[in-house]
């Protein structure tokens, strides 16, 4: 939804990332592939790590947090099945990269991060890239953003022992939520759809995320 300069020295690295890490592993939604190829991931990490930004692994972003492996970002985003009209909530802004991907796919993105220094940096990067459809606040992500609910899609980028009830309450009927659930060592991505008959769960494989801190997640 936002166009950046075509003069990009990392464009070839992004293309390789998309083809070798995403397409080769089954990511097929053209909108997701377009977003992953367009968003300059290297700008969301420290300058010293920019030459590693398109590698097949997570990277540290400070405050004991990480930017997820590109494949995981694409996989979780594709699972939300965004069509371009949704209102999306992200729990765990981190460096802002996932929010930028979502901003390419949805007109409204709301993101919550508990670490102020990360919020400040993410805002600066997103604004510099003209992602003005992203709103970020500092807070307990496990409580959601009730003033802006309901959300058509919710993505949680940190692991919890279970799904925080406020997030389920704020999910619109027919909406989708994806979250890593499990203990500190073994987690699985749970894709939840809210239907008139109840919640439908689809477990999408193992994963490893930093822990979600808050009233409904792990405590420090």
N, C-alpha and C. Protein backbone atom coordinates (compact mmCIF):
# COMPACT_ATOMS: atom_id res chain seq x y z
N UNK A 1 0.81 -1.20 0.00
CA UNK A 1 0.00 0.00 0.00
C UNK A 1 0.85 1.26 0.00
N UNK A 2 2.17 1.07 0.16
CA UNK A 2 3.08 2.21 0.16
C UNK A 2 4.26 1.86 -0.72
N UNK A 3 4.69 2.80 -1.54
CA UNK A 3 5.76 2.52 -2.48
C UNK A 3 7.04 3.21 -2.06
N UNK A 4 8.11 2.48 -2.03
CA UNK A 4 9.40 3.05 -1.70
C UNK A 4 10.23 3.28 -2.96
N UNK A 5 11.38 3.88 -2.81
CA UNK A 5 12.26 4.13 -3.94
C UNK A 5 12.68 2.84 -4.61
N UNK A 6 12.79 2.87 -5.94
CA UNK A 6 13.20 1.69 -6.68
C UNK A 6 14.71 1.47 -6.59
N UNK A 7 15.46 2.47 -6.16
CA UNK A 7 16.91 2.35 -6.02
C UNK A 7 17.22 1.63 -4.71
N UNK A 8 17.36 0.31 -4.75
CA UNK A 8 17.50 -0.49 -3.54
C UNK A 8 18.61 -1.51 -3.74
N UNK A 9 19.75 -1.33 -3.09
CA UNK A 9 20.86 -2.26 -3.26
C UNK A 9 20.58 -3.66 -2.72
N UNK A 10 19.55 -3.80 -1.91
CA UNK A 10 19.23 -5.09 -1.33
C UNK A 10 18.11 -5.82 -2.09
N UNK A 11 17.66 -5.27 -3.18
CA UNK A 11 16.53 -5.87 -3.92
C UNK A 11 16.85 -7.29 -4.36
N UNK A 12 18.06 -7.53 -4.84
CA UNK A 12 18.43 -8.87 -5.30
C UNK A 12 18.45 -9.86 -4.14
N UNK A 13 18.94 -9.41 -2.98
CA UNK A 13 18.96 -10.29 -1.80
C UNK A 13 17.54 -10.64 -1.38
N UNK A 14 16.63 -9.68 -1.47
CA UNK A 14 15.23 -9.95 -1.12
C UNK A 14 14.60 -10.94 -2.09
N UNK A 15 14.92 -10.78 -3.38
CA UNK A 15 14.40 -11.71 -4.37
C UNK A 15 14.88 -13.13 -4.09
N UNK A 16 16.17 -13.28 -3.76
CA UNK A 16 16.69 -14.61 -3.41
C UNK A 16 16.00 -15.17 -2.18
N UNK A 17 15.78 -14.32 -1.18
CA UNK A 17 15.07 -14.75 0.03
C UNK A 17 13.69 -15.29 -0.31
N UNK A 18 12.95 -14.55 -1.12
CA UNK A 18 11.59 -14.95 -1.48
C UNK A 18 11.60 -16.29 -2.22
N UNK A 19 12.50 -16.44 -3.17
CA UNK A 19 12.50 -17.65 -3.98
C UNK A 19 13.03 -18.88 -3.23
N UNK A 20 14.14 -18.70 -2.49
CA UNK A 20 14.77 -19.87 -1.86
C UNK A 20 14.21 -20.23 -0.49
N UNK A 21 13.69 -19.22 0.24
CA UNK A 21 13.18 -19.50 1.58
C UNK A 21 11.66 -19.61 1.64
N UNK A 22 10.97 -18.88 0.79
CA UNK A 22 9.51 -18.82 0.88
C UNK A 22 8.83 -19.69 -0.18
N UNK A 23 9.04 -19.36 -1.44
CA UNK A 23 8.42 -20.14 -2.51
C UNK A 23 8.83 -21.60 -2.43
N UNK A 24 10.10 -21.85 -2.17
CA UNK A 24 10.61 -23.22 -2.11
C UNK A 24 9.98 -24.02 -0.97
N UNK A 25 9.46 -23.32 0.05
CA UNK A 25 8.84 -24.01 1.19
C UNK A 25 7.32 -23.97 1.14
N UNK A 26 6.77 -23.50 0.05
CA UNK A 26 5.32 -23.60 -0.11
C UNK A 26 4.53 -22.34 0.12
N UNK A 27 5.17 -21.21 0.42
CA UNK A 27 4.42 -19.95 0.52
C UNK A 27 3.97 -19.57 -0.89
N UNK A 28 2.65 -19.41 -1.07
CA UNK A 28 2.14 -19.23 -2.44
C UNK A 28 1.23 -18.02 -2.61
N UNK A 29 0.79 -17.39 -1.52
CA UNK A 29 -0.09 -16.23 -1.65
C UNK A 29 0.70 -15.11 -2.34
N UNK A 30 0.27 -14.69 -3.53
CA UNK A 30 1.04 -13.67 -4.25
C UNK A 30 1.14 -12.35 -3.51
N UNK A 31 0.14 -12.01 -2.73
CA UNK A 31 0.17 -10.75 -1.97
C UNK A 31 1.23 -10.81 -0.89
N UNK A 32 1.35 -11.96 -0.22
CA UNK A 32 2.37 -12.12 0.82
C UNK A 32 3.76 -12.10 0.19
N UNK A 33 3.93 -12.79 -0.90
CA UNK A 33 5.23 -12.81 -1.58
C UNK A 33 5.62 -11.41 -2.04
N UNK A 34 4.65 -10.67 -2.55
CA UNK A 34 4.92 -9.30 -2.99
C UNK A 34 5.38 -8.44 -1.81
N UNK A 35 4.68 -8.55 -0.68
CA UNK A 35 5.04 -7.76 0.50
C UNK A 35 6.43 -8.12 1.00
N UNK A 36 6.73 -9.42 1.03
CA UNK A 36 8.04 -9.85 1.52
C UNK A 36 9.16 -9.40 0.58
N UNK A 37 8.88 -9.31 -0.70
CA UNK A 37 9.89 -8.85 -1.64
C UNK A 37 10.04 -7.33 -1.60
N UNK A 38 8.98 -6.64 -1.23
CA UNK A 38 8.99 -5.18 -1.25
C UNK A 38 9.57 -4.54 0.01
N UNK A 39 9.21 -5.04 1.17
CA UNK A 39 9.59 -4.38 2.43
C UNK A 39 11.09 -4.56 2.69
N UNK A 40 11.82 -3.48 2.92
CA UNK A 40 13.28 -3.55 3.12
C UNK A 40 13.63 -4.03 4.53
N UNK A 41 13.67 -5.32 4.69
CA UNK A 41 13.90 -5.95 6.00
C UNK A 41 15.18 -5.43 6.65
N UNK A 42 16.21 -5.15 5.84
CA UNK A 42 17.50 -4.74 6.41
C UNK A 42 17.41 -3.43 7.18
N UNK A 43 16.42 -2.60 6.88
CA UNK A 43 16.28 -1.33 7.60
C UNK A 43 15.71 -1.50 9.01
N UNK A 44 15.21 -2.69 9.31
CA UNK A 44 14.61 -2.95 10.61
C UNK A 44 15.59 -3.57 11.60
N UNK A 45 16.83 -3.80 11.18
CA UNK A 45 17.84 -4.34 12.08
C UNK A 45 18.99 -3.34 12.20
N UNK A 46 19.86 -3.55 13.18
CA UNK A 46 20.99 -2.66 13.37
C UNK A 46 21.91 -2.70 12.13
N UNK A 47 22.58 -1.60 11.89
CA UNK A 47 23.42 -1.49 10.69
C UNK A 47 24.45 -2.60 10.61
N UNK A 48 25.00 -3.00 11.75
CA UNK A 48 26.02 -4.05 11.77
C UNK A 48 25.48 -5.41 11.32
N UNK A 49 24.16 -5.58 11.36
CA UNK A 49 23.54 -6.86 11.00
C UNK A 49 22.84 -6.81 9.65
N UNK A 50 22.89 -5.68 8.97
CA UNK A 50 22.11 -5.54 7.75
C UNK A 50 22.52 -6.52 6.66
N UNK A 51 23.78 -6.91 6.63
CA UNK A 51 24.19 -7.87 5.60
C UNK A 51 23.68 -9.27 5.88
N UNK A 52 23.08 -9.49 7.07
CA UNK A 52 22.50 -10.78 7.42
C UNK A 52 20.97 -10.75 7.38
N UNK A 53 20.40 -9.61 7.05
CA UNK A 53 18.96 -9.41 7.20
C UNK A 53 18.12 -10.37 6.37
N UNK A 54 18.66 -10.88 5.27
CA UNK A 54 17.88 -11.75 4.39
C UNK A 54 18.28 -13.21 4.52
N UNK A 55 18.99 -13.51 5.60
CA UNK A 55 19.35 -14.90 5.89
C UNK A 55 18.17 -15.67 6.47
N UNK A 56 18.30 -16.98 6.48
CA UNK A 56 17.23 -17.88 6.90
C UNK A 56 17.28 -18.13 8.41
N UNK A 57 17.22 -17.04 9.18
CA UNK A 57 17.33 -17.16 10.64
C UNK A 57 16.84 -15.86 11.27
N UNK A 58 16.45 -15.92 12.56
CA UNK A 58 16.10 -14.70 13.30
C UNK A 58 17.35 -13.92 13.63
N UNK A 59 17.14 -12.64 14.00
CA UNK A 59 18.26 -11.77 14.40
C UNK A 59 17.87 -10.99 15.65
N UNK A 60 18.84 -10.68 16.50
CA UNK A 60 18.54 -9.88 17.69
C UNK A 60 18.21 -8.43 17.32
N UNK A 61 17.27 -7.84 18.06
CA UNK A 61 16.92 -6.43 17.84
C UNK A 61 17.06 -5.62 19.12
N UNK A 62 17.67 -6.21 20.15
CA UNK A 62 17.82 -5.54 21.43
C UNK A 62 16.72 -5.90 22.40
N UNK A 63 16.92 -5.59 23.67
CA UNK A 63 15.93 -5.83 24.72
C UNK A 63 15.55 -7.30 24.80
N UNK A 64 16.49 -8.19 24.46
CA UNK A 64 16.28 -9.64 24.50
C UNK A 64 15.14 -10.08 23.57
N UNK A 65 14.93 -9.34 22.49
CA UNK A 65 13.90 -9.67 21.50
C UNK A 65 14.57 -9.94 20.16
N UNK A 66 13.81 -10.54 19.23
CA UNK A 66 14.36 -10.88 17.93
C UNK A 66 13.39 -10.50 16.82
N UNK A 67 13.93 -10.35 15.62
CA UNK A 67 13.12 -10.29 14.42
C UNK A 67 13.05 -11.71 13.89
N UNK A 68 11.85 -12.20 13.64
CA UNK A 68 11.66 -13.60 13.28
C UNK A 68 12.29 -13.93 11.94
N UNK A 69 12.60 -15.19 11.76
CA UNK A 69 13.06 -15.74 10.49
C UNK A 69 12.06 -15.35 9.38
N UNK A 70 12.53 -14.94 8.20
CA UNK A 70 11.61 -14.52 7.14
C UNK A 70 10.51 -15.53 6.84
N UNK A 71 10.84 -16.81 6.82
CA UNK A 71 9.83 -17.82 6.51
C UNK A 71 8.70 -17.81 7.53
N UNK A 72 9.03 -17.66 8.80
CA UNK A 72 7.99 -17.65 9.84
C UNK A 72 7.09 -16.44 9.67
N UNK A 73 7.67 -15.28 9.35
CA UNK A 73 6.86 -14.08 9.10
C UNK A 73 5.89 -14.34 7.96
N UNK A 74 6.39 -14.89 6.87
CA UNK A 74 5.53 -15.16 5.71
C UNK A 74 4.48 -16.22 6.03
N UNK A 75 4.89 -17.27 6.72
CA UNK A 75 3.98 -18.37 7.05
C UNK A 75 2.81 -17.90 7.91
N UNK A 76 3.12 -17.13 8.96
CA UNK A 76 2.07 -16.65 9.85
C UNK A 76 1.17 -15.64 9.14
N UNK A 77 1.78 -14.81 8.30
CA UNK A 77 0.98 -13.82 7.57
C UNK A 77 0.05 -14.51 6.59
N UNK A 78 0.56 -15.48 5.86
CA UNK A 78 -0.28 -16.20 4.89
C UNK A 78 -1.43 -16.92 5.57
N UNK A 79 -1.18 -17.44 6.77
CA UNK A 79 -2.22 -18.17 7.50
C UNK A 79 -3.43 -17.28 7.83
N UNK A 80 -3.22 -15.98 7.92
CA UNK A 80 -4.33 -15.06 8.23
C UNK A 80 -5.27 -14.86 7.05
N UNK A 81 -4.83 -15.24 5.84
CA UNK A 81 -5.67 -15.17 4.63
C UNK A 81 -6.25 -13.77 4.43
N UNK A 82 -5.39 -12.78 4.48
CA UNK A 82 -5.84 -11.40 4.33
C UNK A 82 -6.23 -11.11 2.88
N UNK A 83 -7.33 -10.39 2.73
CA UNK A 83 -7.83 -10.09 1.38
C UNK A 83 -7.67 -8.62 1.01
N UNK A 84 -7.29 -7.79 1.97
CA UNK A 84 -7.09 -6.38 1.68
C UNK A 84 -8.09 -5.45 2.31
N UNK A 85 -9.00 -5.99 3.10
CA UNK A 85 -10.03 -5.15 3.74
C UNK A 85 -10.03 -5.27 5.26
N UNK A 86 -9.13 -6.07 5.80
CA UNK A 86 -9.19 -6.40 7.21
C UNK A 86 -8.60 -5.34 8.13
N UNK A 87 -9.09 -5.37 9.35
CA UNK A 87 -8.51 -4.61 10.46
C UNK A 87 -7.71 -5.62 11.28
N UNK A 88 -6.39 -5.37 11.41
CA UNK A 88 -5.48 -6.37 11.97
C UNK A 88 -4.85 -5.87 13.27
N UNK A 89 -4.73 -6.77 14.24
CA UNK A 89 -4.04 -6.49 15.49
C UNK A 89 -2.80 -7.36 15.57
N UNK A 90 -1.68 -6.73 15.87
CA UNK A 90 -0.43 -7.46 16.11
C UNK A 90 -0.02 -7.30 17.56
N UNK A 91 0.31 -8.40 18.20
CA UNK A 91 0.81 -8.37 19.57
C UNK A 91 2.31 -8.64 19.52
N UNK A 92 3.10 -7.64 19.88
CA UNK A 92 4.55 -7.75 19.84
C UNK A 92 5.13 -7.04 18.63
N UNK A 93 5.17 -5.73 18.68
CA UNK A 93 5.66 -4.94 17.55
C UNK A 93 7.12 -5.23 17.23
N UNK A 94 7.92 -5.37 18.28
CA UNK A 94 9.35 -5.59 18.07
C UNK A 94 9.96 -4.45 17.27
N UNK A 95 10.65 -4.80 16.18
CA UNK A 95 11.31 -3.79 15.35
C UNK A 95 10.35 -3.16 14.35
N UNK A 96 9.15 -3.72 14.19
CA UNK A 96 8.17 -3.16 13.27
C UNK A 96 8.09 -3.84 11.92
N UNK A 97 8.94 -4.84 11.67
CA UNK A 97 8.97 -5.50 10.36
C UNK A 97 7.67 -6.22 10.04
N UNK A 98 7.17 -7.02 10.98
CA UNK A 98 5.91 -7.72 10.74
C UNK A 98 4.77 -6.73 10.50
N UNK A 99 4.77 -5.63 11.24
CA UNK A 99 3.74 -4.60 11.03
C UNK A 99 3.81 -4.03 9.62
N UNK A 100 5.02 -3.85 9.10
CA UNK A 100 5.18 -3.33 7.74
C UNK A 100 4.62 -4.31 6.72
N UNK A 101 4.89 -5.59 6.92
CA UNK A 101 4.33 -6.62 6.02
C UNK A 101 2.80 -6.56 6.05
N UNK A 102 2.24 -6.48 7.25
CA UNK A 102 0.78 -6.40 7.39
C UNK A 102 0.24 -5.14 6.75
N UNK A 103 0.98 -4.05 6.86
CA UNK A 103 0.53 -2.77 6.30
C UNK A 103 0.43 -2.80 4.78
N UNK A 104 1.18 -3.70 4.16
CA UNK A 104 1.08 -3.89 2.72
C UNK A 104 -0.20 -4.65 2.33
N UNK A 105 -0.79 -5.33 3.31
CA UNK A 105 -1.89 -6.25 3.02
C UNK A 105 -3.23 -5.84 3.61
N UNK A 106 -3.22 -4.88 4.50
CA UNK A 106 -4.45 -4.48 5.19
C UNK A 106 -4.48 -2.96 5.36
N UNK A 107 -5.66 -2.35 5.33
CA UNK A 107 -5.76 -0.90 5.45
C UNK A 107 -5.54 -0.37 6.86
N UNK A 108 -5.76 -1.22 7.87
CA UNK A 108 -5.62 -0.79 9.27
C UNK A 108 -4.84 -1.83 10.05
N UNK A 109 -3.72 -1.41 10.61
CA UNK A 109 -2.91 -2.30 11.44
C UNK A 109 -2.68 -1.63 12.79
N UNK A 110 -3.00 -2.36 13.86
CA UNK A 110 -2.79 -1.89 15.23
C UNK A 110 -1.78 -2.84 15.87
N UNK A 111 -0.78 -2.29 16.55
CA UNK A 111 0.28 -3.10 17.10
C UNK A 111 0.61 -2.66 18.51
N UNK A 112 0.85 -3.63 19.38
CA UNK A 112 1.13 -3.36 20.79
C UNK A 112 2.49 -3.95 21.16
N UNK A 113 3.29 -3.17 21.86
CA UNK A 113 4.61 -3.60 22.31
C UNK A 113 4.81 -3.11 23.74
N UNK A 114 5.37 -3.95 24.61
CA UNK A 114 5.54 -3.56 26.01
C UNK A 114 6.83 -2.79 26.26
N UNK A 115 7.79 -2.83 25.33
CA UNK A 115 9.09 -2.18 25.54
C UNK A 115 9.10 -0.85 24.79
N UNK A 116 9.17 0.24 25.54
CA UNK A 116 9.06 1.56 24.94
C UNK A 116 10.16 1.84 23.92
N UNK A 117 11.39 1.43 24.21
CA UNK A 117 12.49 1.73 23.30
C UNK A 117 12.27 1.07 21.94
N UNK A 118 11.68 -0.11 21.93
CA UNK A 118 11.38 -0.77 20.66
C UNK A 118 10.27 -0.04 19.91
N UNK A 119 9.27 0.43 20.65
CA UNK A 119 8.17 1.18 20.02
C UNK A 119 8.70 2.44 19.36
N UNK A 120 9.55 3.17 20.07
CA UNK A 120 10.09 4.41 19.54
C UNK A 120 10.85 4.17 18.24
N UNK A 121 11.67 3.12 18.21
CA UNK A 121 12.45 2.83 17.01
C UNK A 121 11.54 2.35 15.88
N UNK A 122 10.59 1.47 16.20
CA UNK A 122 9.68 0.95 15.17
C UNK A 122 8.87 2.07 14.53
N UNK A 123 8.38 2.99 15.34
CA UNK A 123 7.61 4.12 14.81
C UNK A 123 8.46 4.93 13.83
N UNK A 124 9.69 5.16 14.22
CA UNK A 124 10.57 5.98 13.38
C UNK A 124 10.81 5.31 12.02
N UNK A 125 11.05 4.01 12.04
CA UNK A 125 11.31 3.30 10.79
C UNK A 125 10.05 3.25 9.93
N UNK A 126 8.92 2.91 10.53
CA UNK A 126 7.68 2.80 9.77
C UNK A 126 7.28 4.14 9.17
N UNK A 127 7.45 5.20 9.93
CA UNK A 127 7.12 6.53 9.40
C UNK A 127 8.06 6.91 8.26
N UNK A 128 9.34 6.55 8.38
CA UNK A 128 10.29 6.89 7.31
C UNK A 128 9.95 6.15 6.02
N UNK A 129 9.30 4.98 6.15
CA UNK A 129 8.89 4.20 4.98
C UNK A 129 7.45 4.50 4.57
N UNK A 130 6.85 5.47 5.25
CA UNK A 130 5.51 5.96 4.91
C UNK A 130 4.40 4.93 5.14
N UNK A 131 4.58 4.13 6.18
CA UNK A 131 3.51 3.22 6.58
C UNK A 131 2.63 3.94 7.61
N UNK A 132 1.79 4.79 7.11
CA UNK A 132 0.94 5.61 7.99
C UNK A 132 -0.35 4.89 8.40
N UNK A 133 -0.56 3.69 7.91
CA UNK A 133 -1.73 2.91 8.31
C UNK A 133 -1.44 1.98 9.48
N UNK A 134 -0.29 2.18 10.15
CA UNK A 134 0.06 1.40 11.33
C UNK A 134 -0.01 2.30 12.56
N UNK A 135 -0.74 1.85 13.59
CA UNK A 135 -0.79 2.55 14.86
C UNK A 135 -0.18 1.65 15.93
N UNK A 136 0.73 2.21 16.72
CA UNK A 136 1.44 1.43 17.73
C UNK A 136 1.22 2.06 19.10
N UNK A 137 1.08 1.23 20.11
CA UNK A 137 1.04 1.75 21.47
C UNK A 137 1.85 0.85 22.39
N UNK A 138 2.32 1.44 23.49
CA UNK A 138 3.02 0.69 24.52
C UNK A 138 1.98 0.12 25.48
N UNK A 139 2.08 -1.17 25.77
CA UNK A 139 1.12 -1.74 26.69
C UNK A 139 1.26 -3.25 26.81
N UNK A 140 0.36 -3.83 27.58
CA UNK A 140 0.30 -5.28 27.79
C UNK A 140 -0.49 -5.89 26.63
N UNK A 141 0.22 -6.54 25.73
CA UNK A 141 -0.44 -7.09 24.55
C UNK A 141 -1.46 -8.16 24.85
N UNK A 142 -1.32 -8.84 26.00
CA UNK A 142 -2.28 -9.89 26.32
C UNK A 142 -3.68 -9.34 26.59
N UNK A 143 -3.77 -8.04 26.80
CA UNK A 143 -5.08 -7.41 27.03
C UNK A 143 -5.70 -6.93 25.73
N UNK A 144 -4.94 -6.99 24.63
CA UNK A 144 -5.45 -6.53 23.35
C UNK A 144 -5.61 -5.02 23.30
N UNK A 145 -6.49 -4.58 22.40
CA UNK A 145 -6.75 -3.16 22.19
C UNK A 145 -8.26 -2.99 22.11
N UNK A 146 -8.94 -3.07 23.27
CA UNK A 146 -10.41 -3.13 23.27
C UNK A 146 -11.08 -1.93 22.63
N UNK A 147 -10.44 -0.75 22.69
CA UNK A 147 -11.05 0.45 22.12
C UNK A 147 -11.19 0.35 20.60
N UNK A 148 -10.36 -0.48 19.97
CA UNK A 148 -10.38 -0.60 18.52
C UNK A 148 -11.00 -1.92 18.04
N UNK A 149 -11.37 -2.79 18.95
CA UNK A 149 -11.96 -4.08 18.60
C UNK A 149 -13.36 -3.87 17.97
N UNK A 150 -13.83 -4.84 17.18
CA UNK A 150 -13.22 -6.15 16.90
C UNK A 150 -12.21 -6.09 15.76
N UNK A 151 -11.37 -7.14 15.71
CA UNK A 151 -10.35 -7.27 14.68
C UNK A 151 -10.65 -8.48 13.81
N UNK A 152 -10.43 -8.33 12.53
CA UNK A 152 -10.65 -9.43 11.60
C UNK A 152 -9.52 -10.45 11.66
N UNK A 153 -8.35 -10.00 12.08
CA UNK A 153 -7.20 -10.90 12.18
C UNK A 153 -6.32 -10.42 13.33
N UNK A 154 -5.75 -11.39 14.06
CA UNK A 154 -4.84 -11.10 15.17
C UNK A 154 -3.63 -12.00 15.02
N UNK A 155 -2.45 -11.41 15.11
CA UNK A 155 -1.21 -12.18 15.04
C UNK A 155 -0.40 -11.90 16.30
N UNK A 156 0.03 -12.94 16.97
CA UNK A 156 0.81 -12.82 18.20
C UNK A 156 2.21 -13.33 17.92
N UNK A 157 3.20 -12.49 18.12
CA UNK A 157 4.57 -12.85 17.75
C UNK A 157 5.43 -13.20 18.96
N UNK A 158 4.79 -13.70 20.01
CA UNK A 158 5.49 -14.22 21.19
C UNK A 158 4.67 -15.37 21.73
N UNK A 159 5.32 -16.30 22.41
CA UNK A 159 4.66 -17.54 22.83
C UNK A 159 4.03 -17.42 24.21
N UNK A 160 2.90 -18.09 24.38
CA UNK A 160 2.18 -18.10 25.65
C UNK A 160 1.73 -19.53 25.98
N UNK A 161 1.46 -19.80 27.26
CA UNK A 161 0.98 -21.14 27.64
C UNK A 161 -0.41 -21.43 27.06
N UNK A 162 -1.16 -20.39 26.76
CA UNK A 162 -2.49 -20.52 26.18
C UNK A 162 -2.86 -19.22 25.50
N UNK A 163 -4.04 -19.18 24.91
CA UNK A 163 -4.46 -17.97 24.21
C UNK A 163 -5.12 -17.01 25.18
N UNK A 164 -4.62 -15.80 25.32
CA UNK A 164 -5.25 -14.82 26.22
C UNK A 164 -6.71 -14.59 25.84
N UNK A 165 -7.62 -14.71 26.82
CA UNK A 165 -9.04 -14.57 26.56
C UNK A 165 -9.41 -13.22 25.94
N UNK A 166 -8.78 -12.10 26.38
CA UNK A 166 -9.14 -10.82 25.76
C UNK A 166 -8.94 -10.81 24.25
N UNK A 167 -7.94 -11.53 23.77
CA UNK A 167 -7.72 -11.57 22.32
C UNK A 167 -8.83 -12.33 21.61
N UNK A 168 -9.27 -13.41 22.21
CA UNK A 168 -10.39 -14.15 21.63
C UNK A 168 -11.67 -13.32 21.65
N UNK A 169 -11.85 -12.57 22.74
CA UNK A 169 -13.05 -11.72 22.85
C UNK A 169 -13.03 -10.62 21.78
N UNK A 170 -11.84 -10.15 21.42
CA UNK A 170 -11.72 -9.04 20.48
C UNK A 170 -11.63 -9.49 19.02
N UNK A 171 -11.65 -10.80 18.80
CA UNK A 171 -11.63 -11.34 17.45
C UNK A 171 -13.03 -11.32 16.86
N UNK A 172 -13.18 -10.75 15.67
CA UNK A 172 -14.48 -10.66 15.03
C UNK A 172 -14.98 -12.05 14.64
N UNK A 173 -16.29 -12.19 14.51
CA UNK A 173 -16.86 -13.43 14.03
C UNK A 173 -16.34 -13.70 12.62
N UNK A 174 -15.83 -14.89 12.40
CA UNK A 174 -15.22 -15.23 11.13
C UNK A 174 -13.75 -14.86 11.06
N UNK A 175 -13.26 -14.20 12.12
CA UNK A 175 -11.88 -13.75 12.13
C UNK A 175 -10.89 -14.87 12.43
N UNK A 176 -9.61 -14.59 12.20
CA UNK A 176 -8.56 -15.58 12.39
C UNK A 176 -7.48 -15.02 13.31
N UNK A 177 -6.97 -15.88 14.17
CA UNK A 177 -5.92 -15.52 15.12
C UNK A 177 -4.83 -16.57 15.03
N UNK A 178 -3.57 -16.14 14.97
CA UNK A 178 -2.47 -17.10 14.99
C UNK A 178 -1.52 -16.73 16.11
N UNK A 179 -1.11 -17.76 16.89
CA UNK A 179 -0.30 -17.55 18.08
C UNK A 179 0.54 -18.79 18.36
N UNK A 180 1.79 -18.62 18.80
CA UNK A 180 2.57 -19.76 19.27
C UNK A 180 2.14 -20.11 20.70
N UNK A 181 1.77 -21.36 20.93
CA UNK A 181 1.37 -21.79 22.27
C UNK A 181 2.20 -23.00 22.69
N UNK A 182 2.41 -23.11 24.01
CA UNK A 182 3.18 -24.22 24.54
C UNK A 182 3.99 -23.78 25.74
N UNK A 183 5.02 -24.56 26.07
CA UNK A 183 5.87 -24.17 27.19
C UNK A 183 7.09 -23.43 26.66
N UNK A 184 8.05 -23.21 27.52
CA UNK A 184 9.20 -22.41 27.10
C UNK A 184 10.09 -23.13 26.09
N UNK A 185 9.97 -24.43 25.99
CA UNK A 185 10.84 -25.20 25.11
C UNK A 185 10.12 -25.71 23.85
N UNK A 186 8.87 -26.15 24.00
CA UNK A 186 8.14 -26.75 22.88
C UNK A 186 6.87 -25.94 22.63
N UNK A 187 6.75 -25.40 21.42
CA UNK A 187 5.60 -24.58 21.07
C UNK A 187 5.07 -25.00 19.70
N UNK A 188 3.80 -24.68 19.46
CA UNK A 188 3.18 -24.95 18.17
C UNK A 188 2.36 -23.75 17.76
N UNK A 189 2.34 -23.45 16.47
CA UNK A 189 1.50 -22.36 15.97
C UNK A 189 0.06 -22.81 15.92
N UNK A 190 -0.80 -22.10 16.63
CA UNK A 190 -2.23 -22.41 16.68
C UNK A 190 -2.98 -21.36 15.86
N UNK A 191 -3.62 -21.80 14.79
CA UNK A 191 -4.45 -20.92 13.98
C UNK A 191 -5.89 -21.13 14.41
N UNK A 192 -6.52 -20.07 14.90
CA UNK A 192 -7.87 -20.15 15.45
C UNK A 192 -8.82 -19.35 14.58
N UNK A 193 -9.94 -19.95 14.26
CA UNK A 193 -11.00 -19.23 13.54
C UNK A 193 -12.23 -19.17 14.44
N UNK A 194 -12.81 -17.98 14.57
CA UNK A 194 -14.03 -17.83 15.39
C UNK A 194 -15.24 -18.04 14.49
N UNK A 195 -16.08 -19.00 14.83
CA UNK A 195 -17.27 -19.32 14.04
C UNK A 195 -18.49 -19.28 14.95
N UNK A 196 -19.69 -19.24 14.38
CA UNK A 196 -20.91 -19.28 15.20
C UNK A 196 -21.02 -20.54 16.05
N UNK A 197 -20.31 -21.59 15.65
CA UNK A 197 -20.35 -22.85 16.41
C UNK A 197 -19.21 -22.96 17.40
N UNK A 198 -18.39 -21.94 17.48
CA UNK A 198 -17.27 -21.96 18.42
C UNK A 198 -15.93 -21.75 17.74
N UNK A 199 -14.88 -22.01 18.48
CA UNK A 199 -13.53 -21.80 17.97
C UNK A 199 -13.02 -23.05 17.27
N UNK A 200 -12.45 -22.86 16.10
CA UNK A 200 -11.83 -23.96 15.36
C UNK A 200 -10.32 -23.80 15.43
N UNK A 201 -9.63 -24.84 15.88
CA UNK A 201 -8.18 -24.79 16.05
C UNK A 201 -7.50 -25.63 14.97
N UNK A 202 -6.44 -25.08 14.42
CA UNK A 202 -5.64 -25.77 13.41
C UNK A 202 -4.18 -25.57 13.78
N UNK A 203 -3.54 -26.65 14.24
CA UNK A 203 -2.15 -26.53 14.67
C UNK A 203 -1.24 -26.68 13.46
N UNK A 204 -0.37 -25.68 13.27
CA UNK A 204 0.41 -25.58 12.05
C UNK A 204 1.89 -25.92 12.22
N UNK A 205 2.25 -26.68 13.22
CA UNK A 205 3.64 -27.12 13.33
C UNK A 205 4.40 -26.44 14.44
N UNK A 206 5.56 -27.00 14.75
CA UNK A 206 6.38 -26.52 15.85
C UNK A 206 7.09 -25.21 15.54
N UNK A 207 7.47 -24.51 16.60
CA UNK A 207 8.13 -23.22 16.45
C UNK A 207 8.84 -22.88 17.76
N UNK A 208 9.57 -21.78 17.74
CA UNK A 208 10.26 -21.33 18.96
C UNK A 208 10.27 -19.80 18.97
N UNK A 209 9.54 -19.21 19.92
CA UNK A 209 9.43 -17.76 20.03
C UNK A 209 9.86 -17.31 21.42
N UNK A 210 10.18 -16.03 21.54
CA UNK A 210 10.37 -15.44 22.86
C UNK A 210 9.03 -15.47 23.58
N UNK A 211 9.07 -15.37 24.90
CA UNK A 211 7.83 -15.54 25.66
C UNK A 211 7.00 -14.25 25.70
N UNK A 212 5.71 -14.43 25.73
CA UNK A 212 4.77 -13.32 25.85
C UNK A 212 4.60 -12.97 27.32
N UNK A 213 4.86 -11.72 27.66
CA UNK A 213 4.76 -11.27 29.04
C UNK A 213 3.49 -10.46 29.22
N UNK A 214 2.75 -10.72 30.30
CA UNK A 214 1.55 -9.95 30.57
C UNK A 214 0.63 -10.67 31.52
N UNK A 215 -0.55 -10.10 31.74
CA UNK A 215 -1.50 -10.67 32.69
C UNK A 215 -1.93 -12.08 32.32
N UNK A 216 -1.95 -12.37 31.01
CA UNK A 216 -2.43 -13.67 30.54
C UNK A 216 -1.31 -14.50 29.93
N UNK A 217 -0.06 -14.01 30.02
CA UNK A 217 1.07 -14.77 29.51
C UNK A 217 1.99 -15.14 30.65
N UNK A 218 3.22 -15.45 30.34
CA UNK A 218 4.19 -15.71 31.39
C UNK A 218 4.55 -14.42 32.10
N UNK A 219 4.81 -14.49 33.35
CA UNK A 219 5.33 -13.35 34.08
C UNK A 219 6.85 -13.36 33.96
N UNK A 220 7.49 -12.26 34.26
CA UNK A 220 8.94 -12.19 34.13
C UNK A 220 9.61 -13.16 35.09
